[in-house]
Amino acid sequence: MYEIMVEDTFASAHQLVGYEGPCENMHGHTWKVQIFLSGEKLNKLGMLFDFKEAKKVLKNIVAEFDHKNLNELPEFTKNNPTAENIAKTIYDKITSNKLLVNKVTVWESETTCATYTL
Protein backbone atom coordinates (compact mmCIF):
# COMPACT_ATOMS: atom_id res chain seq x y z
CA MET A 1 0.00 0.00 0.00
CA TYR A 2 1.26 3.46 -0.92
CA GLU A 3 0.42 6.61 0.97
CA ILE A 4 1.15 10.28 0.31
CA MET A 5 0.43 13.31 2.46
CA VAL A 6 -0.05 16.98 1.69
CA GLU A 7 -0.83 19.75 4.12
CA ASP A 8 -2.09 23.30 4.24
CA THR A 9 -3.17 25.79 6.89
CA PHE A 10 -6.02 28.18 7.51
CA ALA A 11 -6.82 30.73 10.20
CA SER A 12 -10.30 30.95 11.68
CA ALA A 13 -12.30 31.64 14.81
CA HIS A 14 -14.67 29.35 16.64
CA GLN A 15 -16.29 28.73 19.98
CA LEU A 16 -17.44 25.50 21.54
CA VAL A 17 -21.08 25.90 22.50
CA GLY A 18 -21.89 24.07 25.72
CA TYR A 19 -18.25 23.65 26.72
CA GLU A 20 -17.42 24.69 30.27
CA GLY A 21 -14.13 26.52 30.09
CA PRO A 22 -12.28 29.13 28.07
CA CYS A 23 -13.04 27.47 24.73
CA GLU A 24 -16.71 28.40 25.11
CA ASN A 25 -15.56 31.94 24.26
CA MET A 26 -14.78 33.04 20.72
CA HIS A 27 -11.11 32.41 19.97
CA GLY A 28 -8.92 31.65 16.97
CA HIS A 29 -6.43 29.12 15.69
CA THR A 30 -4.12 28.66 12.79
CA TRP A 31 -5.20 25.16 11.85
CA LYS A 32 -2.93 22.74 10.01
CA VAL A 33 -4.66 20.16 7.84
CA GLN A 34 -2.97 17.02 6.55
CA ILE A 35 -4.64 14.71 4.07
CA PHE A 36 -3.35 11.21 3.45
CA LEU A 37 -4.12 9.52 0.14
CA SER A 38 -3.54 5.81 -0.29
CA GLY A 39 -3.74 3.13 -2.93
CA GLU A 40 -2.26 -0.09 -4.23
CA LYS A 41 -1.16 1.03 -7.69
CA LEU A 42 1.08 3.73 -9.05
CA ASN A 43 0.49 5.45 -12.37
CA LYS A 44 2.81 5.10 -15.35
CA LEU A 45 5.04 7.83 -13.90
CA GLY A 46 5.46 5.93 -10.64
CA MET A 47 3.19 8.21 -8.61
CA LEU A 48 0.16 7.36 -6.51
CA PHE A 49 -1.26 10.83 -7.07
CA ASP A 50 0.26 14.11 -8.19
CA PHE A 51 1.25 16.17 -5.11
CA LYS A 52 0.44 19.35 -7.04
CA GLU A 53 -3.12 18.21 -7.74
CA ALA A 54 -3.67 17.00 -4.17
CA LYS A 55 -2.45 20.35 -2.82
CA LYS A 56 -4.81 22.18 -5.17
CA VAL A 57 -7.83 20.20 -3.95
CA LEU A 58 -6.87 20.77 -0.32
CA LYS A 59 -6.22 24.49 -0.85
CA ASN A 60 -9.68 24.93 -2.38
CA ILE A 61 -11.29 23.20 0.59
CA VAL A 62 -9.41 25.07 3.33
CA ALA A 63 -10.16 28.36 1.55
CA GLU A 64 -13.82 27.80 2.52
CA PHE A 65 -12.79 28.00 6.21
CA ASP A 66 -10.03 30.61 6.05
CA HIS A 67 -10.63 33.83 8.02
CA LYS A 68 -14.16 32.80 8.92
CA ASN A 69 -16.12 32.23 12.10
CA LEU A 70 -16.56 28.47 11.76
CA ASN A 71 -19.71 28.50 13.91
CA GLU A 72 -21.45 30.51 11.18
CA LEU A 73 -20.70 28.02 8.38
CA PRO A 74 -23.48 25.62 7.29
CA GLU A 75 -21.25 22.62 8.07
CA PHE A 76 -21.27 23.51 11.75
CA THR A 77 -24.82 24.65 12.45
CA LYS A 78 -25.63 21.37 14.23
CA ASN A 79 -22.16 20.37 15.48
CA ASN A 80 -19.44 22.32 17.23
CA PRO A 81 -16.48 23.12 14.96
CA THR A 82 -14.10 20.94 16.94
CA ALA A 83 -10.92 19.57 15.40
CA GLU A 84 -12.72 16.21 15.15
CA ASN A 85 -15.69 17.65 13.27
CA ILE A 86 -13.46 19.75 11.02
CA ALA A 87 -11.45 16.63 10.12
CA LYS A 88 -14.63 14.71 9.21
CA THR A 89 -16.00 17.64 7.19
CA ILE A 90 -12.77 17.96 5.20
CA TYR A 91 -12.68 14.18 4.69
CA ASP A 92 -16.21 14.30 3.25
CA LYS A 93 -15.31 17.20 0.95
CA ILE A 94 -12.21 15.40 -0.32
CA THR A 95 -14.07 12.16 -1.01
CA SER A 96 -16.64 14.15 -2.97
CA ASN A 97 -13.69 15.13 -5.21
CA LYS A 98 -13.15 11.38 -5.79
CA LEU A 99 -9.69 11.28 -4.18
CA LEU A 100 -8.51 8.10 -2.46
CA VAL A 101 -8.31 9.74 0.96
CA ASN A 102 -7.26 7.44 3.80
CA LYS A 103 -7.37 9.93 6.64
CA VAL A 104 -7.48 13.61 7.50
CA THR A 105 -5.63 15.10 10.47
CA VAL A 106 -6.44 18.57 11.77
CA TRP A 107 -3.95 20.24 14.10
CA GLU A 108 -5.46 22.83 16.45
CA SER A 109 -2.07 23.68 17.94
CA GLU A 110 1.49 22.41 17.69
CA THR A 111 0.72 19.69 20.23
CA THR A 112 -2.94 18.74 19.68
CA CYS A 113 -4.69 17.19 16.71
CA ALA A 114 -7.64 15.03 15.70
CA THR A 115 -7.80 12.49 12.90
CA TYR A 116 -10.73 11.13 10.93
CA THR A 117 -10.19 7.85 9.12
CA LEU A 118 -12.37 5.05 7.85
C-alpha atoms as a PDB file:
ATOM      1  CA  MET A   1       0.000   0.000   0.000  1.00  0.00           C
ATOM      2  CA  TYR A   2       1.265   3.456  -0.916  1.00  0.00           C
ATOM      3  CA  GLU A   3       0.418   6.612   0.971  1.00  0.00           C
ATOM      4  CA  ILE A   4       1.148  10.275   0.307  1.00  0.00           C
ATOM      5  CA  MET A   5       0.430  13.309   2.461  1.00  0.00           C
ATOM      6  CA  VAL A   6      -0.048  16.983   1.692  1.00  0.00           C
ATOM      7  CA  GLU A   7      -0.829  19.753   4.120  1.00  0.00           C
ATOM      8  CA  ASP A   8      -2.087  23.303   4.245  1.00  0.00           C
ATOM      9  CA  THR A   9      -3.169  25.792   6.892  1.00  0.00           C
ATOM     10  CA  PHE A  10      -6.016  28.184   7.514  1.00  0.00           C
ATOM     11  CA  ALA A  11      -6.824  30.734  10.195  1.00  0.00           C
ATOM     12  CA  SER A  12     -10.299  30.945  11.683  1.00  0.00           C
ATOM     13  CA  ALA A  13     -12.298  31.644  14.805  1.00  0.00           C
ATOM     14  CA  HIS A  14     -14.672  29.346  16.643  1.00  0.00           C
ATOM     15  CA  GLN A  15     -16.290  28.733  19.980  1.00  0.00           C
ATOM     16  CA  LEU A  16     -17.439  25.501  21.539  1.00  0.00           C
ATOM     17  CA  VAL A  17     -21.081  25.899  22.497  1.00  0.00           C
ATOM     18  CA  GLY A  18     -21.889  24.067  25.722  1.00  0.00           C
ATOM     19  CA  TYR A  19     -18.248  23.646  26.723  1.00  0.00           C
ATOM     20  CA  GLU A  20     -17.420  24.691  30.271  1.00  0.00           C
ATOM     21  CA  GLY A  21     -14.129  26.523  30.090  1.00  0.00           C
ATOM     22  CA  PRO A  22     -12.280  29.128  28.073  1.00  0.00           C
ATOM     23  CA  CYS A  23     -13.035  27.465  24.735  1.00  0.00           C
ATOM     24  CA  GLU A  24     -16.708  28.398  25.109  1.00  0.00           C
ATOM     25  CA  ASN A  25     -15.561  31.939  24.258  1.00  0.00           C
ATOM     26  CA  MET A  26     -14.779  33.043  20.715  1.00  0.00           C
ATOM     27  CA  HIS A  27     -11.106  32.405  19.970  1.00  0.00           C
ATOM     28  CA  GLY A  28      -8.922  31.645  16.971  1.00  0.00           C
ATOM     29  CA  HIS A  29      -6.429  29.121  15.693  1.00  0.00           C
ATOM     30  CA  THR A  30      -4.120  28.663  12.789  1.00  0.00           C
ATOM     31  CA  TRP A  31      -5.199  25.157  11.851  1.00  0.00           C
ATOM     32  CA  LYS A  32      -2.926  22.739  10.009  1.00  0.00           C
ATOM     33  CA  VAL A  33      -4.665  20.156   7.842  1.00  0.00           C
ATOM     34  CA  GLN A  34      -2.972  17.016   6.551  1.00  0.00           C
ATOM     35  CA  ILE A  35      -4.641  14.715   4.066  1.00  0.00           C
ATOM     36  CA  PHE A  36      -3.347  11.207   3.453  1.00  0.00           C
ATOM     37  CA  LEU A  37      -4.123   9.517   0.143  1.00  0.00           C
ATOM     38  CA  SER A  38      -3.541   5.811  -0.291  1.00  0.00           C
ATOM     39  CA  GLY A  39      -3.742   3.133  -2.932  1.00  0.00           C
ATOM     40  CA  GLU A  40      -2.257  -0.090  -4.230  1.00  0.00           C
ATOM     41  CA  LYS A  41      -1.161   1.030  -7.688  1.00  0.00           C
ATOM     42  CA  LEU A  42       1.083   3.733  -9.046  1.00  0.00           C
ATOM     43  CA  ASN A  43       0.487   5.453 -12.368  1.00  0.00           C
ATOM     44  CA  LYS A  44       2.811   5.098 -15.350  1.00  0.00           C
ATOM     45  CA  LEU A  45       5.045   7.834 -13.899  1.00  0.00           C
ATOM     46  CA  GLY A  46       5.458   5.927 -10.643  1.00  0.00           C
ATOM     47  CA  MET A  47       3.187   8.214  -8.609  1.00  0.00           C
ATOM     48  CA  LEU A  48       0.162   7.361  -6.515  1.00  0.00           C
ATOM     49  CA  PHE A  49      -1.258  10.826  -7.069  1.00  0.00           C
ATOM     50  CA  ASP A  50       0.264  14.107  -8.188  1.00  0.00           C
ATOM     51  CA  PHE A  51       1.245  16.167  -5.115  1.00  0.00           C
ATOM     52  CA  LYS A  52       0.438  19.347  -7.036  1.00  0.00           C
ATOM     53  CA  GLU A  53      -3.120  18.213  -7.740  1.00  0.00           C
ATOM     54  CA  ALA A  54      -3.671  17.002  -4.169  1.00  0.00           C
ATOM     55  CA  LYS A  55      -2.446  20.354  -2.815  1.00  0.00           C
ATOM     56  CA  LYS A  56      -4.812  22.178  -5.168  1.00  0.00           C
ATOM     57  CA  VAL A  57      -7.829  20.204  -3.949  1.00  0.00           C
ATOM     58  CA  LEU A  58      -6.873  20.767  -0.318  1.00  0.00           C
ATOM     59  CA  LYS A  59      -6.215  24.487  -0.854  1.00  0.00           C
ATOM     60  CA  ASN A  60      -9.680  24.933  -2.375  1.00  0.00           C
ATOM     61  CA  ILE A  61     -11.289  23.200   0.594  1.00  0.00           C
ATOM     62  CA  VAL A  62      -9.412  25.065   3.335  1.00  0.00           C
ATOM     63  CA  ALA A  63     -10.159  28.358   1.548  1.00  0.00           C
ATOM     64  CA  GLU A  64     -13.817  27.799   2.523  1.00  0.00           C
ATOM     65  CA  PHE A  65     -12.793  28.001   6.213  1.00  0.00           C
ATOM     66  CA  ASP A  66     -10.034  30.614   6.054  1.00  0.00           C
ATOM     67  CA  HIS A  67     -10.630  33.830   8.018  1.00  0.00           C
ATOM     68  CA  LYS A  68     -14.160  32.803   8.923  1.00  0.00           C
ATOM     69  CA  ASN A  69     -16.123  32.232  12.098  1.00  0.00           C
ATOM     70  CA  LEU A  70     -16.561  28.468  11.763  1.00  0.00           C
ATOM     71  CA  ASN A  71     -19.712  28.499  13.911  1.00  0.00           C
ATOM     72  CA  GLU A  72     -21.449  30.510  11.183  1.00  0.00           C
ATOM     73  CA  LEU A  73     -20.705  28.022   8.382  1.00  0.00           C
ATOM     74  CA  PRO A  74     -23.478  25.621   7.288  1.00  0.00           C
ATOM     75  CA  GLU A  75     -21.250  22.620   8.068  1.00  0.00           C
ATOM     76  CA  PHE A  76     -21.272  23.510  11.753  1.00  0.00           C
ATOM     77  CA  THR A  77     -24.823  24.647  12.449  1.00  0.00           C
ATOM     78  CA  LYS A  78     -25.629  21.367  14.231  1.00  0.00           C
ATOM     79  CA  ASN A  79     -22.161  20.371  15.480  1.00  0.00           C
ATOM     80  CA  ASN A  80     -19.443  22.316  17.225  1.00  0.00           C
ATOM     81  CA  PRO A  81     -16.479  23.122  14.959  1.00  0.00           C
ATOM     82  CA  THR A  82     -14.096  20.942  16.940  1.00  0.00           C
ATOM     83  CA  ALA A  83     -10.917  19.570  15.399  1.00  0.00           C
ATOM     84  CA  GLU A  84     -12.715  16.214  15.146  1.00  0.00           C
ATOM     85  CA  ASN A  85     -15.693  17.645  13.269  1.00  0.00           C
ATOM     86  CA  ILE A  86     -13.464  19.751  11.020  1.00  0.00           C
ATOM     87  CA  ALA A  87     -11.451  16.635  10.120  1.00  0.00           C
ATOM     88  CA  LYS A  88     -14.630  14.712   9.213  1.00  0.00           C
ATOM     89  CA  THR A  89     -16.003  17.645   7.191  1.00  0.00           C
ATOM     90  CA  ILE A  90     -12.770  17.961   5.204  1.00  0.00           C
ATOM     91  CA  TYR A  91     -12.683  14.180   4.694  1.00  0.00           C
ATOM     92  CA  ASP A  92     -16.210  14.296   3.246  1.00  0.00           C
ATOM     93  CA  LYS A  93     -15.313  17.197   0.952  1.00  0.00           C
ATOM     94  CA  ILE A  94     -12.210  15.395  -0.320  1.00  0.00           C
ATOM     95  CA  THR A  95     -14.073  12.164  -1.010  1.00  0.00           C
ATOM     96  CA  SER A  96     -16.645  14.151  -2.970  1.00  0.00           C
ATOM     97  CA  ASN A  97     -13.688  15.131  -5.206  1.00  0.00           C
ATOM     98  CA  LYS A  98     -13.146  11.383  -5.788  1.00  0.00           C
ATOM     99  CA  LEU A  99      -9.694  11.278  -4.183  1.00  0.00           C
ATOM    100  CA  LEU A 100      -8.507   8.097  -2.464  1.00  0.00           C
ATOM    101  CA  VAL A 101      -8.305   9.739   0.957  1.00  0.00           C
ATOM    102  CA  ASN A 102      -7.257   7.440   3.796  1.00  0.00           C
ATOM    103  CA  LYS A 103      -7.370   9.933   6.639  1.00  0.00           C
ATOM    104  CA  VAL A 104      -7.480  13.613   7.504  1.00  0.00           C
ATOM    105  CA  THR A 105      -5.634  15.095  10.467  1.00  0.00           C
ATOM    106  CA  VAL A 106      -6.440  18.573  11.768  1.00  0.00           C
ATOM    107  CA  TRP A 107      -3.955  20.245  14.099  1.00  0.00           C
ATOM    108  CA  GLU A 108      -5.464  22.833  16.448  1.00  0.00           C
ATOM    109  CA  SER A 109      -2.067  23.681  17.935  1.00  0.00           C
ATOM    110  CA  GLU A 110       1.488  22.409  17.689  1.00  0.00           C
ATOM    111  CA  THR A 111       0.719  19.689  20.230  1.00  0.00           C
ATOM    112  CA  THR A 112      -2.944  18.743  19.678  1.00  0.00           C
ATOM    113  CA  CYS A 113      -4.693  17.189  16.712  1.00  0.00           C
ATOM    114  CA  ALA A 114      -7.639  15.029  15.704  1.00  0.00           C
ATOM    115  CA  THR A 115      -7.800  12.490  12.899  1.00  0.00           C
ATOM    116  CA  TYR A 116     -10.730  11.129  10.933  1.00  0.00           C
ATOM    117  CA  THR A 117     -10.187   7.848   9.116  1.00  0.00           C
ATOM    118  CA  LEU A 118     -12.373   5.049   7.849  1.00  0.00           C
END
